[in-house]
C-alpha atoms as a PDB file:
ATOM      1  CA  MET A   1     -53.501 -26.393  -6.440  1.00  0.00           C
ATOM      2  CA  ARG A   2     -56.155 -23.948  -5.427  1.00  0.00           C
ATOM      3  CA  GLY A   3     -57.077 -25.261  -1.954  1.00  0.00           C
ATOM      4  CA  GLN A   4     -58.548 -28.061   0.040  1.00  0.00           C
ATOM      5  CA  ILE A   5     -62.235 -29.291  -0.003  1.00  0.00           C
ATOM      6  CA  ILE A   6     -63.591 -31.878   2.360  1.00  0.00           C
ATOM      7  CA  LEU A   7     -66.694 -33.590   1.246  1.00  0.00           C
ATOM      8  CA  SER A   8     -68.778 -35.393   3.819  1.00  0.00           C
ATOM      9  CA  HIS A   9     -71.359 -38.064   2.937  1.00  0.00           C
ATOM     10  CA  GLY A  10     -74.741 -38.729   4.612  1.00  0.00           C
ATOM     11  CA  SER A  11     -75.691 -41.554   6.918  1.00  0.00           C
ATOM     12  CA  GLY A  12     -76.239 -44.852   5.235  1.00  0.00           C
ATOM     13  CA  SER A  13     -73.863 -43.871   2.493  1.00  0.00           C
ATOM     14  CA  GLY A  14     -70.092 -43.711   2.030  1.00  0.00           C
ATOM     15  CA  PRO A  15     -67.232 -41.662   0.558  1.00  0.00           C
ATOM     16  CA  GLU A  16     -68.121 -42.989  -2.904  1.00  0.00           C
ATOM     17  CA  ALA A  17     -71.704 -41.596  -2.738  1.00  0.00           C
ATOM     18  CA  THR A  18     -73.052 -40.043  -5.845  1.00  0.00           C
ATOM     19  CA  LYS A  19     -73.177 -36.428  -4.820  1.00  0.00           C
ATOM     20  CA  VAL A  20     -69.832 -36.186  -3.019  1.00  0.00           C
ATOM     21  CA  SER A  21     -68.119 -38.201  -5.731  1.00  0.00           C
ATOM     22  CA  ALA A  22     -69.481 -35.903  -8.516  1.00  0.00           C
ATOM     23  CA  LEU A  23     -68.622 -32.746  -6.714  1.00  0.00           C
ATOM     24  CA  ALA A  24     -65.155 -34.008  -5.813  1.00  0.00           C
ATOM     25  CA  ALA A  25     -64.519 -34.887  -9.519  1.00  0.00           C
ATOM     26  CA  LEU A  26     -65.634 -31.390 -10.511  1.00  0.00           C
ATOM     27  CA  ALA A  27     -63.462 -29.712  -7.931  1.00  0.00           C
ATOM     28  CA  GLU A  28     -60.379 -31.825  -8.829  1.00  0.00           C
ATOM     29  CA  SER A  29     -60.860 -31.021 -12.562  1.00  0.00           C
ATOM     30  CA  LEU A  30     -60.614 -27.333 -11.489  1.00  0.00           C
ATOM     31  CA  GLY A  31     -57.357 -27.903  -9.554  1.00  0.00           C
ATOM     32  CA  TRP A  32     -58.686 -28.322  -6.010  1.00  0.00           C
ATOM     33  CA  ARG A  33     -57.500 -31.064  -3.640  1.00  0.00           C
ATOM     34  CA  THR A  34     -60.334 -33.108  -2.156  1.00  0.00           C
ATOM     35  CA  GLN A  35     -60.834 -35.517   0.722  1.00  0.00           C
ATOM     36  CA  ARG A  36     -63.837 -37.667   1.442  1.00  0.00           C
ATOM     37  CA  PRO A  37     -63.742 -39.018   5.038  1.00  0.00           C
ATOM     38  CA  ASP A  38     -65.291 -42.397   5.668  1.00  0.00           C
ATOM     39  CA  TYR A  39     -67.894 -42.067   8.464  1.00  0.00           C
ATOM     40  CA  ARG A  40     -69.477 -45.543   8.065  1.00  0.00           C
ATOM     41  CA  ALA A  41     -68.004 -46.827  11.373  1.00  0.00           C
ATOM     42  CA  ASP A  42     -69.399 -43.758  13.208  1.00  0.00           C
ATOM     43  CA  ASP A  43     -72.736 -44.196  11.494  1.00  0.00           C
ATOM     44  CA  ALA A  44     -73.028 -47.825  12.825  1.00  0.00           C
ATOM     45  CA  ARG A  45     -73.619 -46.130  16.234  1.00  0.00           C
ATOM     46  CA  GLY A  46     -76.952 -44.705  15.097  1.00  0.00           C
ATOM     47  CA  HIS A  47     -77.889 -41.149  14.043  1.00  0.00           C
ATOM     48  CA  ALA A  48     -77.598 -39.304  17.308  1.00  0.00           C
ATOM     49  CA  ALA A  49     -74.632 -41.307  18.528  1.00  0.00           C
ATOM     50  CA  SER A  50     -72.681 -40.695  15.329  1.00  0.00           C
ATOM     51  CA  VAL A  51     -72.669 -36.852  15.501  1.00  0.00           C
ATOM     52  CA  ALA A  52     -69.842 -36.540  18.120  1.00  0.00           C
ATOM     53  CA  PRO A  53     -67.488 -39.036  16.468  1.00  0.00           C
ATOM     54  CA  ARG A  54     -68.163 -37.581  13.026  1.00  0.00           C
ATOM     55  CA  ILE A  55     -67.328 -34.081  14.312  1.00  0.00           C
ATOM     56  CA  ALA A  56     -64.137 -35.391  15.984  1.00  0.00           C
ATOM     57  CA  ARG A  57     -63.058 -37.125  12.749  1.00  0.00           C
ATOM     58  CA  LEU A  58     -63.699 -34.043  10.558  1.00  0.00           C
ATOM     59  CA  ARG A  59     -62.170 -31.691  13.076  1.00  0.00           C
ATOM     60  CA  ALA A  60     -58.945 -33.706  13.167  1.00  0.00           C
ATOM     61  CA  ILE A  61     -58.653 -33.672   9.364  1.00  0.00           C
ATOM     62  CA  ILE A  62     -59.104 -29.888   9.355  1.00  0.00           C
ATOM     63  CA  GLU A  63     -56.646 -29.254  12.150  1.00  0.00           C
ATOM     64  CA  ALA A  64     -53.948 -31.222  10.175  1.00  0.00           C
ATOM     65  CA  LEU A  65     -54.317 -28.852   7.167  1.00  0.00           C
ATOM     66  CA  GLN A  66     -52.274 -25.767   6.447  1.00  0.00           C
ATOM     67  CA  ALA A  67     -55.236 -23.549   5.606  1.00  0.00           C
ATOM     68  CA  PRO A  68     -58.974 -23.553   6.275  1.00  0.00           C
ATOM     69  CA  PRO A  69     -60.801 -25.866   3.832  1.00  0.00           C
ATOM     70  CA  LEU A  70     -64.114 -25.564   2.036  1.00  0.00           C
ATOM     71  CA  LEU A  71     -66.587 -28.026   3.480  1.00  0.00           C
ATOM     72  CA  VAL A  72     -69.266 -29.728   1.507  1.00  0.00           C
ATOM     73  CA  GLY A  73     -71.735 -31.932   3.157  1.00  0.00           C
ATOM     74  CA  SER A  74     -74.885 -33.957   2.367  1.00  0.00           C
ATOM     75  CA  SER A  75     -77.540 -34.616   5.054  1.00  0.00           C
ATOM     76  CA  MET A  76     -75.675 -35.846   8.202  1.00  0.00           C
ATOM     77  CA  GLY A  77     -72.536 -34.633   6.423  1.00  0.00           C
ATOM     78  CA  ALA A  78     -73.967 -31.182   6.101  1.00  0.00           C
ATOM     79  CA  PHE A  79     -75.146 -31.222   9.819  1.00  0.00           C
ATOM     80  CA  VAL A  80     -71.714 -32.043  11.111  1.00  0.00           C
ATOM     81  CA  SER A  81     -69.902 -29.687   8.703  1.00  0.00           C
ATOM     82  CA  GLY A  82     -71.927 -26.775  10.047  1.00  0.00           C
ATOM     83  CA  LEU A  83     -71.177 -27.720  13.641  1.00  0.00           C
ATOM     84  CA  VAL A  84     -67.541 -28.183  13.007  1.00  0.00           C
ATOM     85  CA  SER A  85     -67.423 -24.628  11.557  1.00  0.00           C
ATOM     86  CA  LEU A  86     -68.291 -23.399  15.154  1.00  0.00           C
ATOM     87  CA  ASP A  87     -64.986 -25.027  16.426  1.00  0.00           C
ATOM     88  CA  VAL A  88     -62.377 -24.549  13.693  1.00  0.00           C
ATOM     89  CA  PRO A  89     -61.920 -22.069  10.813  1.00  0.00           C
ATOM     90  CA  VAL A  90     -63.399 -23.005   7.430  1.00  0.00           C
ATOM     91  CA  ALA A  91     -63.342 -21.136   4.182  1.00  0.00           C
ATOM     92  CA  GLY A  92     -66.951 -21.816   3.207  1.00  0.00           C
ATOM     93  CA  LEU A  93     -69.850 -24.276   3.291  1.00  0.00           C
ATOM     94  CA  LEU A  94     -71.977 -25.919   0.695  1.00  0.00           C
ATOM     95  CA  LEU A  95     -74.679 -27.866   2.563  1.00  0.00           C
ATOM     96  CA  LEU A  96     -77.083 -30.206   0.915  1.00  0.00           C
ATOM     97  CA  ALA A  97     -80.340 -31.617   2.394  1.00  0.00           C
ATOM     98  CA  THR A  98     -79.373 -30.253   5.826  1.00  0.00           C
ATOM     99  CA  PRO A  99     -81.319 -31.545   8.830  1.00  0.00           C
ATOM    100  CA  SER A 100     -82.099 -28.763  11.303  1.00  0.00           C
ATOM    101  CA  GLU A 101     -81.829 -31.380  14.045  1.00  0.00           C
ATOM    102  CA  ILE A 102     -81.053 -35.045  14.624  1.00  0.00           C
ATOM    103  CA  PRO A 103     -83.611 -36.841  16.825  1.00  0.00           C
ATOM    104  CA  GLY A 104     -81.964 -37.757  20.087  1.00  0.00           C
ATOM    105  CA  CYS A 105     -79.044 -35.430  19.584  1.00  0.00           C
ATOM    106  CA  ALA A 106     -78.803 -32.491  22.134  1.00  0.00           C
ATOM    107  CA  ARG A 107     -77.245 -30.151  19.452  1.00  0.00           C
ATOM    108  CA  LYS A 108     -79.307 -28.412  16.804  1.00  0.00           C
ATOM    109  CA  PHE A 109     -77.870 -27.447  13.479  1.00  0.00           C
ATOM    110  CA  ASP A 110     -75.760 -24.253  13.533  1.00  0.00           C
ATOM    111  CA  LEU A 111     -72.724 -22.775  11.926  1.00  0.00           C
ATOM    112  CA  ARG A 112     -70.178 -19.970  12.416  1.00  0.00           C
ATOM    113  CA  GLU A 113     -71.500 -16.532  11.611  1.00  0.00           C
ATOM    114  CA  GLY A 114     -69.818 -14.898   8.580  1.00  0.00           C
ATOM    115  CA  VAL A 115     -68.759 -18.117   6.865  1.00  0.00           C
ATOM    116  CA  PRO A 116     -69.765 -17.941   3.195  1.00  0.00           C
ATOM    117  CA  THR A 117     -72.578 -20.572   2.946  1.00  0.00           C
ATOM    118  CA  LEU A 118     -74.985 -21.922   0.452  1.00  0.00           C
ATOM    119  CA  LEU A 119     -77.746 -24.253   1.462  1.00  0.00           C
ATOM    120  CA  ILE A 120     -79.485 -26.435  -1.153  1.00  0.00           C
ATOM    121  CA  HIS A 121     -82.570 -28.524  -0.341  1.00  0.00           C
ATOM    122  CA  GLY A 122     -85.441 -30.370  -1.932  1.00  0.00           C
ATOM    123  CA  TRP A 123     -89.045 -29.288  -1.703  1.00  0.00           C
ATOM    124  CA  ARG A 124     -89.995 -32.947  -1.479  1.00  0.00           C
ATOM    125  CA  ASP A 125     -87.385 -33.950   1.042  1.00  0.00           C
ATOM    126  CA  GLU A 126     -89.127 -36.642   3.056  1.00  0.00           C
ATOM    127  CA  VAL A 127     -86.259 -37.185   5.476  1.00  0.00           C
ATOM    128  CA  CYS A 128     -85.380 -33.543   6.351  1.00  0.00           C
ATOM    129  CA  PRO A 129     -88.458 -31.498   5.604  1.00  0.00           C
ATOM    130  CA  PRO A 130     -87.586 -28.048   4.082  1.00  0.00           C
ATOM    131  CA  GLU A 131     -89.303 -26.030   6.821  1.00  0.00           C
ATOM    132  CA  GLY A 132     -86.440 -26.514   9.196  1.00  0.00           C
ATOM    133  CA  VAL A 133     -83.676 -25.397   6.898  1.00  0.00           C
ATOM    134  CA  HIS A 134     -85.852 -22.616   5.544  1.00  0.00           C
ATOM    135  CA  ALA A 135     -86.397 -21.269   9.062  1.00  0.00           C
ATOM    136  CA  PHE A 136     -82.666 -21.458   9.833  1.00  0.00           C
ATOM    137  CA  ALA A 137     -81.704 -19.688   6.553  1.00  0.00           C
ATOM    138  CA  THR A 138     -84.406 -16.958   7.244  1.00  0.00           C
ATOM    139  CA  ARG A 139     -83.008 -16.310  10.734  1.00  0.00           C
ATOM    140  CA  ARG A 140     -79.422 -16.160   9.542  1.00  0.00           C
ATOM    141  CA  ARG A 141     -80.229 -14.503   6.185  1.00  0.00           C
ATOM    142  CA  LEU A 142     -78.347 -17.213   4.292  1.00  0.00           C
ATOM    143  CA  PRO A 143     -78.764 -18.169   0.677  1.00  0.00           C
ATOM    144  CA  LEU A 144     -81.079 -21.139   0.232  1.00  0.00           C
ATOM    145  CA  LEU A 145     -81.797 -22.796  -3.092  1.00  0.00           C
ATOM    146  CA  VAL A 146     -84.828 -25.076  -2.816  1.00  0.00           C
ATOM    147  CA  LEU A 147     -85.301 -27.447  -5.807  1.00  0.00           C
ATOM    148  CA  ASP A 148     -88.136 -29.618  -6.997  1.00  0.00           C
ATOM    149  CA  ASP A 149     -86.430 -32.808  -5.663  1.00  0.00           C
ATOM    150  CA  ASP A 150     -86.403 -35.239  -2.719  1.00  0.00           C
ATOM    151  CA  HIS A 151     -83.763 -35.832  -0.067  1.00  0.00           C
ATOM    152  CA  ARG A 152     -81.254 -37.479  -2.409  1.00  0.00           C
ATOM    153  CA  LEU A 153     -81.338 -34.452  -4.716  1.00  0.00           C
ATOM    154  CA  GLY A 154     -80.577 -36.971  -7.555  1.00  0.00           C
ATOM    155  CA  ALA A 155     -82.536 -35.103 -10.186  1.00  0.00           C
ATOM    156  CA  SER A 156     -80.758 -31.795  -9.361  1.00  0.00           C
ATOM    157  CA  MET A 157     -77.068 -32.796  -9.753  1.00  0.00           C
ATOM    158  CA  ASP A 158     -76.525 -30.463 -12.795  1.00  0.00           C
ATOM    159  CA  THR A 159     -77.930 -27.522 -10.879  1.00  0.00           C
ATOM    160  CA  ILE A 160     -75.893 -28.442  -7.753  1.00  0.00           C
ATOM    161  CA  ALA A 161     -72.679 -28.813  -9.820  1.00  0.00           C
ATOM    162  CA  ALA A 162     -73.327 -25.448 -11.423  1.00  0.00           C
ATOM    163  CA  GLN A 163     -73.794 -23.721  -8.106  1.00  0.00           C
ATOM    164  CA  PHE A 164     -70.740 -25.447  -6.700  1.00  0.00           C
ATOM    165  CA  ARG A 165     -68.600 -24.321  -9.621  1.00  0.00           C
ATOM    166  CA  LEU A 166     -69.819 -20.723  -9.089  1.00  0.00           C
ATOM    167  CA  MET A 167     -68.768 -21.000  -5.416  1.00  0.00           C
ATOM    168  CA  LEU A 168     -65.399 -22.447  -6.421  1.00  0.00           C
ATOM    169  CA  ASP A 169     -64.751 -19.571  -8.876  1.00  0.00           C
ATOM    170  CA  ARG A 170     -65.645 -17.002  -6.232  1.00  0.00           C
ATOM    171  CA  TRP A 171     -63.396 -18.733  -3.591  1.00  0.00           C
ATOM    172  CA  ALA A 172     -60.492 -19.011  -6.094  1.00  0.00           C
ATOM    173  CA  VAL A 173     -60.652 -15.279  -6.669  1.00  0.00           C
ATOM    174  CA  ALA A 174     -60.943 -14.496  -2.979  1.00  0.00           C
ATOM    175  CA  ALA A 175     -58.013 -16.765  -1.957  1.00  0.00           C
END
């Protein structure tokens, strides 16, 4: 096995969501172990109130591992994956449709400096407008791939999977 990947779904979704399921299947086919935490009970608390319990759940999973994992997150899953990287070591981040803030949540999106990261977003994202993640990527000089898609990024799964595979190939060589 090459290493561990934790894939975090967005709000109103679950561990069997299209993006995290497709990316988990790709990673597993390449010899990676994957986990997809179920945050649905946390999400029942509402967007802002779900952030802290999601972070606690993800952090506990990471702390039980032998080595820092790669984190993949979509929307709220991307938001908490970035924040968790501030608290515990992670090997890298692939963040999709990332909100720069959650209304009512005191914390804004952030991530640990120096963690290999790729942000992917849709130009037509109606839930998390691209301006917020663009400003963050610009300040931090992070790679940002903006696609002609909406928040779900459903029309871009082939592109996302290709980028993910490139990341996995680089991480496998670095490990």
